[in-house]
């Protein structure tokens, strides 16, 4: 069962997530975000840039784990409901 859930997770990440993000709300939130980050980063010292990068990597990893946990929880709820 675990391999099925893992397969579904990777499929969803590769083929379905971007479809779900094609909304006006997401475009509004993400519009100009990369340019704003670049502008912000130009104001940092080398040490601040290194510290920020390390923090962002940790934050990204935590976010990936949280997304994965949410997906796996949702699939497990769906599987439980299918048994009822």
C-alpha atoms as a PDB file:
ATOM      1  CA  UNK A   1       0.000   0.000   0.000  1.00  0.00           C
ATOM      2  CA  UNK A   2       2.853   2.354   0.808  1.00  0.00           C
ATOM      3  CA  UNK A   3       4.308   2.074  -2.710  1.00  0.00           C
ATOM      4  CA  UNK A   4       0.898   2.942  -4.206  1.00  0.00           C
ATOM      5  CA  UNK A   5       0.700   6.077  -2.083  1.00  0.00           C
ATOM      6  CA  UNK A   6       4.270   7.028  -2.990  1.00  0.00           C
ATOM      7  CA  UNK A   7       3.506   6.519  -6.688  1.00  0.00           C
ATOM      8  CA  UNK A   8       0.375   8.652  -6.409  1.00  0.00           C
ATOM      9  CA  UNK A   9       2.330  11.369  -4.618  1.00  0.00           C
ATOM     10  CA  UNK A  10       5.024  11.573  -7.284  1.00  0.00           C
ATOM     11  CA  UNK A  11       2.425  11.470 -10.058  1.00  0.00           C
ATOM     12  CA  UNK A  12       0.489  14.312  -8.447  1.00  0.00           C
ATOM     13  CA  UNK A  13       3.656  16.372  -8.006  1.00  0.00           C
ATOM     14  CA  UNK A  14       4.732  15.876 -11.616  1.00  0.00           C
ATOM     15  CA  UNK A  15       1.375  16.093 -13.389  1.00  0.00           C
ATOM     16  CA  UNK A  16      -1.340  17.650 -11.257  1.00  0.00           C
ATOM     17  CA  UNK A  17       0.062  20.340  -8.966  1.00  0.00           C
ATOM     18  CA  UNK A  18       0.654  22.930 -11.688  1.00  0.00           C
ATOM     19  CA  UNK A  19      -2.894  22.384 -12.994  1.00  0.00           C
ATOM     20  CA  UNK A  20      -4.215  23.281  -9.549  1.00  0.00           C
ATOM     21  CA  UNK A  21      -2.086  26.419  -9.417  1.00  0.00           C
ATOM     22  CA  UNK A  22      -3.518  27.878 -12.618  1.00  0.00           C
ATOM     23  CA  UNK A  23      -5.771  30.267 -10.731  1.00  0.00           C
ATOM     24  CA  UNK A  24      -6.084  34.027 -10.612  1.00  0.00           C
ATOM     25  CA  UNK A  25      -5.396  33.953  -6.875  1.00  0.00           C
ATOM     26  CA  UNK A  26      -2.067  32.137  -7.361  1.00  0.00           C
ATOM     27  CA  UNK A  27      -1.045  34.430 -10.219  1.00  0.00           C
ATOM     28  CA  UNK A  28      -1.782  37.494  -8.083  1.00  0.00           C
ATOM     29  CA  UNK A  29       0.280  36.188  -5.172  1.00  0.00           C
ATOM     30  CA  UNK A  30       3.216  34.989  -7.260  1.00  0.00           C
ATOM     31  CA  UNK A  31       3.329  37.822  -9.802  1.00  0.00           C
ATOM     32  CA  UNK A  32       6.637  39.657  -9.587  1.00  0.00           C
ATOM     33  CA  UNK A  33       7.823  37.517  -6.700  1.00  0.00           C
ATOM     34  CA  UNK A  34      11.082  36.450  -8.353  1.00  0.00           C
ATOM     35  CA  UNK A  35      11.978  40.022  -9.336  1.00  0.00           C
ATOM     36  CA  UNK A  36      11.186  41.247  -5.823  1.00  0.00           C
ATOM     37  CA  UNK A  37      13.457  38.546  -4.353  1.00  0.00           C
ATOM     38  CA  UNK A  38      16.272  39.559  -6.696  1.00  0.00           C
ATOM     39  CA  UNK A  39      15.864  43.220  -5.730  1.00  0.00           C
ATOM     40  CA  UNK A  40      15.911  42.293  -2.048  1.00  0.00           C
ATOM     41  CA  UNK A  41      18.966  40.051  -2.384  1.00  0.00           C
ATOM     42  CA  UNK A  42      21.024  42.819  -3.998  1.00  0.00           C
ATOM     43  CA  UNK A  43      20.784  44.717  -0.701  1.00  0.00           C
ATOM     44  CA  UNK A  44      22.372  41.900   1.340  1.00  0.00           C
ATOM     45  CA  UNK A  45      25.982  41.438   2.336  1.00  0.00           C
ATOM     46  CA  UNK A  46      27.712  38.179   1.367  1.00  0.00           C
ATOM     47  CA  UNK A  47      27.269  36.819   4.906  1.00  0.00           C
ATOM     48  CA  UNK A  48      23.600  37.765   4.985  1.00  0.00           C
ATOM     49  CA  UNK A  49      23.125  36.123   1.583  1.00  0.00           C
ATOM     50  CA  UNK A  50      24.694  32.857   2.831  1.00  0.00           C
ATOM     51  CA  UNK A  51      22.579  32.882   5.980  1.00  0.00           C
ATOM     52  CA  UNK A  52      19.426  33.651   4.040  1.00  0.00           C
ATOM     53  CA  UNK A  53      20.145  30.870   1.541  1.00  0.00           C
ATOM     54  CA  UNK A  54      20.678  28.347   4.347  1.00  0.00           C
ATOM     55  CA  UNK A  55      17.418  29.446   5.961  1.00  0.00           C
ATOM     56  CA  UNK A  56      15.506  29.226   2.677  1.00  0.00           C
ATOM     57  CA  UNK A  57      16.830  25.722   2.003  1.00  0.00           C
ATOM     58  CA  UNK A  58      15.649  24.574   5.441  1.00  0.00           C
ATOM     59  CA  UNK A  59      12.293  26.287   4.928  1.00  0.00           C
ATOM     60  CA  UNK A  60      11.895  24.676   1.495  1.00  0.00           C
ATOM     61  CA  UNK A  61      12.676  21.210   2.872  1.00  0.00           C
ATOM     62  CA  UNK A  62      10.203  21.705   5.721  1.00  0.00           C
ATOM     63  CA  UNK A  63       7.551  22.878   3.263  1.00  0.00           C
ATOM     64  CA  UNK A  64       8.117  19.822   1.063  1.00  0.00           C
ATOM     65  CA  UNK A  65       7.729  17.532   4.067  1.00  0.00           C
ATOM     66  CA  UNK A  66       4.560  19.352   5.120  1.00  0.00           C
ATOM     67  CA  UNK A  67       3.096  19.132   1.601  1.00  0.00           C
ATOM     68  CA  UNK A  68       3.946  15.445   1.435  1.00  0.00           C
ATOM     69  CA  UNK A  69       2.386  14.798   4.850  1.00  0.00           C
ATOM     70  CA  UNK A  70      -0.801  16.616   3.817  1.00  0.00           C
ATOM     71  CA  UNK A  71      -1.010  14.630   0.589  1.00  0.00           C
ATOM     72  CA  UNK A  72      -0.403  11.312   2.336  1.00  0.00           C
ATOM     73  CA  UNK A  73      -2.969  12.157   5.010  1.00  0.00           C
ATOM     74  CA  UNK A  74      -5.524  13.030   2.344  1.00  0.00           C
ATOM     75  CA  UNK A  75      -4.907   9.801   0.439  1.00  0.00           C
ATOM     76  CA  UNK A  76      -5.166   7.743   3.614  1.00  0.00           C
ATOM     77  CA  UNK A  77      -8.476   9.429   4.499  1.00  0.00           C
ATOM     78  CA  UNK A  78      -9.712   8.713   0.980  1.00  0.00           C
ATOM     79  CA  UNK A  79      -8.703   5.081   1.253  1.00  0.00           C
ATOM     80  CA  UNK A  80     -10.417   4.758   4.634  1.00  0.00           C
ATOM     81  CA  UNK A  81     -13.601   6.325   3.269  1.00  0.00           C
ATOM     82  CA  UNK A  82     -13.511   3.935   0.302  1.00  0.00           C
ATOM     83  CA  UNK A  83     -13.603   1.024   2.751  1.00  0.00           C
ATOM     84  CA  UNK A  84     -16.803   2.241   4.421  1.00  0.00           C
END
